Amino acid sequence: MLYLVPTPIGNLEDMTFRAIRILKEADVILAEDTRSSAPLLKHFEIQNKVYAHHQHNEHKAVPEIIRLLKEGKIIALISDAGTPAISDPGFLLVRAAIENQIQVQCLPGATAFVPALVTSGLPADRFTFEGFLPVKKGRQTKLKELSQESRTLIIYESPHRLNKTLEDLIEHFGGDRKASVSREISKVFEETIRGELLEIQQHFLENTIKGEFVICIAGK
């Protein structure tokens, strides 16, 4: 069995009882960054074998993981925070497991875009999740395409690119498009700024930018 186990994106109390049990029962835990996962595993007294599984080694690692799964091993995949395979490694392993008739289960749990969407005040019945936008190649084409989207749009962004992305969104979507920007979800300094894109841009030009960001934008 391959388990995808969500981990807290902030508050450790967001960890579920089932997630803790699965991690303790697993023969092997695959972690995006073993250093980042160590405090979490230590906190819940999880002492199983942990190996790194990230975007730089996943192509080479998948065949060996599949071999272990075929031997009957229970393997749990975790990311640094949130649900594996959502803007994190996991897709290649899940696809290979399915192709090899290996059971795959994803536990329900933390992911940043759901609370950001629900608290945005924008329609949540129909939405499209884009993850991180292209940094260079294809960025303008993607923004032009998304500007015509009628559903609520959700994207992730890092602190050092937030202002640039807000500038690009204003250029393609218009400064009066309704949006929200959430940061540090489930952490001490959690904050959501709502309004028109120009208003949100002004806020972040005047304030220190820290944390990881989820941007929700109203559909056209």
Protein backbone atom coordinates (compact mmCIF):
# COMPACT_ATOMS: atom_id res chain seq x y z
CA MET A 1 0.00 0.00 0.00
CA LEU A 2 1.15 3.51 -0.84
CA TYR A 3 -0.26 6.20 1.45
CA LEU A 4 -0.17 9.92 0.70
CA VAL A 5 -0.26 11.57 4.10
CA PRO A 6 -1.02 15.31 4.44
CA THR A 7 0.99 17.16 7.07
CA PRO A 8 0.15 20.47 8.79
CA ILE A 9 0.76 23.67 6.84
CA GLY A 10 1.10 25.53 10.14
CA ASN A 11 -0.45 24.45 13.42
CA LEU A 12 0.67 20.96 14.46
CA GLU A 13 -2.84 20.35 15.85
CA ASP A 14 -4.02 20.06 12.24
CA MET A 15 -2.40 16.61 12.10
CA THR A 16 -5.07 13.89 12.16
CA PHE A 17 -5.06 10.83 14.43
CA ARG A 18 -5.18 8.60 11.36
CA ALA A 19 -2.20 10.33 9.75
CA ILE A 20 -0.12 9.76 12.89
CA ARG A 21 -1.15 6.09 13.01
CA ILE A 22 -0.31 5.47 9.34
CA LEU A 23 3.11 7.09 9.70
CA LYS A 24 3.86 4.94 12.74
CA GLU A 25 2.77 1.78 10.91
CA ALA A 26 4.64 2.49 7.67
CA ASP A 27 7.75 0.49 6.86
CA VAL A 28 9.22 3.50 5.09
CA ILE A 29 8.39 7.22 5.13
CA LEU A 30 9.31 9.26 2.05
CA ALA A 31 9.77 12.94 2.88
CA GLU A 32 10.25 15.88 0.54
CA ASP A 33 12.94 17.23 2.89
CA THR A 34 14.00 15.02 5.81
CA ARG A 35 15.27 18.07 7.72
CA SER A 36 11.92 19.84 7.47
CA SER A 37 9.99 16.72 8.43
CA ALA A 38 12.20 15.80 11.39
CA PRO A 39 10.56 18.20 13.92
CA LEU A 40 7.07 16.97 12.97
CA LEU A 41 8.01 13.30 13.26
CA LYS A 42 9.81 13.90 16.54
CA HIS A 43 6.83 15.79 17.96
CA PHE A 44 4.53 12.81 17.34
CA GLU A 45 7.20 10.26 18.38
CA ILE A 46 7.39 8.70 14.92
CA GLN A 47 10.70 6.85 14.59
CA ASN A 48 10.33 4.95 11.32
CA LYS A 49 12.89 4.95 8.52
CA VAL A 50 12.77 8.20 6.54
CA TYR A 51 14.20 8.75 3.08
CA ALA A 52 14.26 11.86 0.90
CA HIS A 53 11.87 11.94 -2.07
CA HIS A 54 11.92 15.24 -3.93
CA GLN A 55 11.82 16.69 -7.44
CA HIS A 56 15.56 16.13 -7.95
CA ASN A 57 15.59 12.39 -7.24
CA GLU A 58 12.03 11.15 -7.78
CA HIS A 59 12.62 9.92 -11.36
CA LYS A 60 15.47 7.68 -10.22
CA ALA A 61 13.79 6.66 -6.96
CA VAL A 62 10.43 5.49 -8.30
CA PRO A 63 11.55 2.02 -9.60
CA GLU A 64 13.08 1.11 -6.22
CA ILE A 65 9.99 2.30 -4.35
CA ILE A 66 7.76 0.25 -6.64
CA ARG A 67 9.95 -2.80 -5.93
CA LEU A 68 9.47 -2.33 -2.19
CA LEU A 69 5.74 -1.90 -2.60
CA LYS A 70 5.53 -5.11 -4.65
CA GLU A 71 7.32 -6.89 -1.77
CA GLY A 72 4.42 -5.87 0.46
CA LYS A 73 5.95 -2.89 2.19
CA ILE A 74 3.76 -0.08 3.49
CA ILE A 75 5.14 3.25 2.29
CA ALA A 76 3.92 6.69 3.32
CA LEU A 77 4.73 9.82 1.31
CA ILE A 78 4.72 13.24 2.98
CA SER A 79 5.64 16.70 1.72
CA ASP A 80 7.11 19.56 3.73
CA ALA A 81 3.59 20.84 4.38
CA GLY A 82 0.14 20.03 3.05
CA THR A 83 -0.98 17.23 0.74
CA PRO A 84 1.63 15.43 -1.41
CA ALA A 85 1.40 15.93 -5.20
CA ILE A 86 -0.34 19.33 -4.83
CA SER A 87 2.49 21.58 -6.11
CA ASP A 88 4.82 19.01 -4.50
CA PRO A 89 6.39 15.67 -5.53
CA GLY A 90 4.09 12.67 -5.68
CA PHE A 91 2.47 12.46 -9.10
CA LEU A 92 5.14 10.27 -10.70
CA LEU A 93 5.07 7.78 -7.83
CA VAL A 94 1.28 7.59 -7.74
CA ARG A 95 1.11 7.03 -11.50
CA ALA A 96 3.73 4.27 -11.33
CA ALA A 97 1.94 2.59 -8.42
CA ILE A 98 -1.37 2.58 -10.30
CA GLU A 99 0.32 1.19 -13.42
CA ASN A 100 1.69 -1.65 -11.27
CA GLN A 101 -1.70 -2.44 -9.67
CA ILE A 102 -0.52 -1.22 -6.26
CA GLN A 103 -3.13 0.18 -3.91
CA VAL A 104 -2.93 3.94 -3.35
CA GLN A 105 -4.75 5.90 -0.66
CA CYS A 106 -4.59 9.63 0.03
CA LEU A 107 -5.67 10.64 3.51
CA PRO A 108 -7.79 13.80 3.79
CA GLY A 109 -5.98 16.66 5.42
CA ALA A 110 -4.34 20.04 5.18
CA THR A 111 -3.86 21.91 1.93
CA ALA A 112 -3.47 25.68 1.65
CA PHE A 113 -5.80 26.55 -1.22
CA VAL A 114 -9.05 25.24 0.33
CA PRO A 115 -9.13 27.55 3.40
CA ALA A 116 -7.88 30.43 1.25
CA LEU A 117 -10.73 29.92 -1.21
CA VAL A 118 -13.42 29.46 1.42
CA THR A 119 -12.40 32.62 3.32
CA SER A 120 -11.87 34.71 0.18
CA GLY A 121 -15.55 35.62 -0.16
CA LEU A 122 -15.37 34.64 -3.83
CA PRO A 123 -17.56 31.91 -5.41
CA ALA A 124 -16.31 28.50 -4.31
CA ASP A 125 -18.74 26.29 -6.22
CA ARG A 126 -16.61 26.38 -9.38
CA PHE A 127 -12.90 27.16 -9.36
CA THR A 128 -9.63 26.35 -11.10
CA PHE A 129 -6.36 25.70 -9.26
CA GLU A 130 -3.23 26.68 -11.19
CA GLY A 131 -0.52 26.22 -8.56
CA PHE A 132 2.54 28.35 -9.32
CA LEU A 133 2.53 30.38 -12.53
CA PRO A 134 5.43 29.98 -14.97
CA VAL A 135 8.27 32.25 -13.89
CA LYS A 136 9.49 33.17 -17.40
CA LYS A 137 8.69 31.02 -20.43
CA GLY A 138 4.98 30.96 -21.14
CA ARG A 139 4.07 33.33 -18.31
CA GLN A 140 2.43 36.05 -20.42
CA THR A 141 0.54 33.50 -22.52
CA LYS A 142 -0.74 31.80 -19.38
CA LEU A 143 -1.86 35.09 -17.82
CA LYS A 144 -3.68 36.11 -20.99
CA GLU A 145 -5.46 32.75 -21.05
CA LEU A 146 -6.42 32.90 -17.37
CA SER A 147 -7.75 36.44 -17.65
CA GLN A 148 -10.70 35.02 -19.63
CA GLU A 149 -11.47 32.30 -17.06
CA SER A 150 -15.02 32.54 -15.67
CA ARG A 151 -14.36 30.44 -12.58
CA THR A 152 -12.61 31.64 -9.42
CA LEU A 153 -8.86 31.28 -9.99
CA ILE A 154 -6.39 30.10 -7.34
CA ILE A 155 -2.60 30.43 -7.59
CA TYR A 156 0.32 30.00 -5.20
CA GLU A 157 3.11 32.55 -4.91
CA SER A 158 6.34 33.02 -2.97
CA PRO A 159 7.09 36.22 -1.01
CA HIS A 160 9.84 37.50 -3.31
CA ARG A 161 7.60 37.27 -6.40
CA LEU A 162 4.31 38.46 -4.91
CA ASN A 163 4.53 42.10 -6.00
CA LYS A 164 5.58 41.14 -9.53
CA THR A 165 2.66 38.73 -9.80
CA LEU A 166 0.17 41.31 -8.52
CA GLU A 167 1.53 43.75 -11.10
CA ASP A 168 1.08 41.18 -13.88
CA LEU A 169 -2.43 40.32 -12.70
CA ILE A 170 -3.44 43.98 -12.76
CA GLU A 171 -2.06 44.29 -16.29
CA HIS A 172 -4.00 41.31 -17.62
CA PHE A 173 -7.09 41.19 -15.38
CA GLY A 174 -7.60 44.88 -14.62
CA GLY A 175 -7.02 46.66 -11.33
CA ASP A 176 -10.69 46.49 -10.37
CA ARG A 177 -10.91 42.67 -10.46
CA LYS A 178 -11.95 41.33 -7.04
CA ALA A 179 -9.39 39.13 -5.31
CA SER A 180 -7.97 37.99 -1.98
CA VAL A 181 -4.46 37.17 -0.82
CA SER A 182 -3.95 34.82 2.14
CA ARG A 183 -0.65 34.20 3.86
CA GLU A 184 0.66 32.06 6.71
CA ILE A 185 -2.50 29.93 6.75
CA SER A 186 -2.90 28.02 10.05
CA LYS A 187 0.05 29.90 11.57
CA VAL A 188 0.29 32.62 14.22
CA PHE A 189 0.31 35.52 11.76
CA GLU A 190 -2.38 34.21 9.40
CA GLU A 191 -3.88 37.04 7.36
CA THR A 192 -6.22 37.51 4.41
CA ILE A 193 -6.40 40.77 2.44
CA ARG A 194 -9.51 41.20 0.30
CA GLY A 195 -10.53 43.83 -2.24
CA GLU A 196 -9.69 44.91 -5.77
CA LEU A 197 -6.29 43.96 -7.17
CA LEU A 198 -5.06 47.57 -7.03
CA GLU A 199 -6.04 47.85 -3.37
CA ILE A 200 -4.32 44.59 -2.52
CA GLN A 201 -1.17 45.63 -4.40
CA GLN A 202 -1.06 48.89 -2.46
CA HIS A 203 -1.32 47.02 0.83
CA PHE A 204 1.69 44.86 0.07
CA LEU A 205 3.71 47.80 -1.27
CA GLU A 206 3.24 49.42 2.13
CA ASN A 207 3.81 46.34 4.32
CA THR A 208 6.55 43.76 4.82
CA ILE A 209 5.99 40.64 2.72
CA LYS A 210 6.57 37.40 4.64
CA GLY A 211 5.22 33.89 4.38
CA GLU A 212 3.76 31.73 1.63
CA PHE A 213 0.83 33.17 -0.33
CA VAL A 214 -2.40 31.94 -1.91
CA ILE A 215 -4.06 34.34 -4.36
CA CYS A 216 -7.75 33.93 -5.23
CA ILE A 217 -9.11 35.97 -8.14
CA ALA A 218 -12.72 36.41 -9.20
CA GLY A 219 -13.63 34.93 -12.56
CA LYS A 220 -14.36 37.18 -15.51
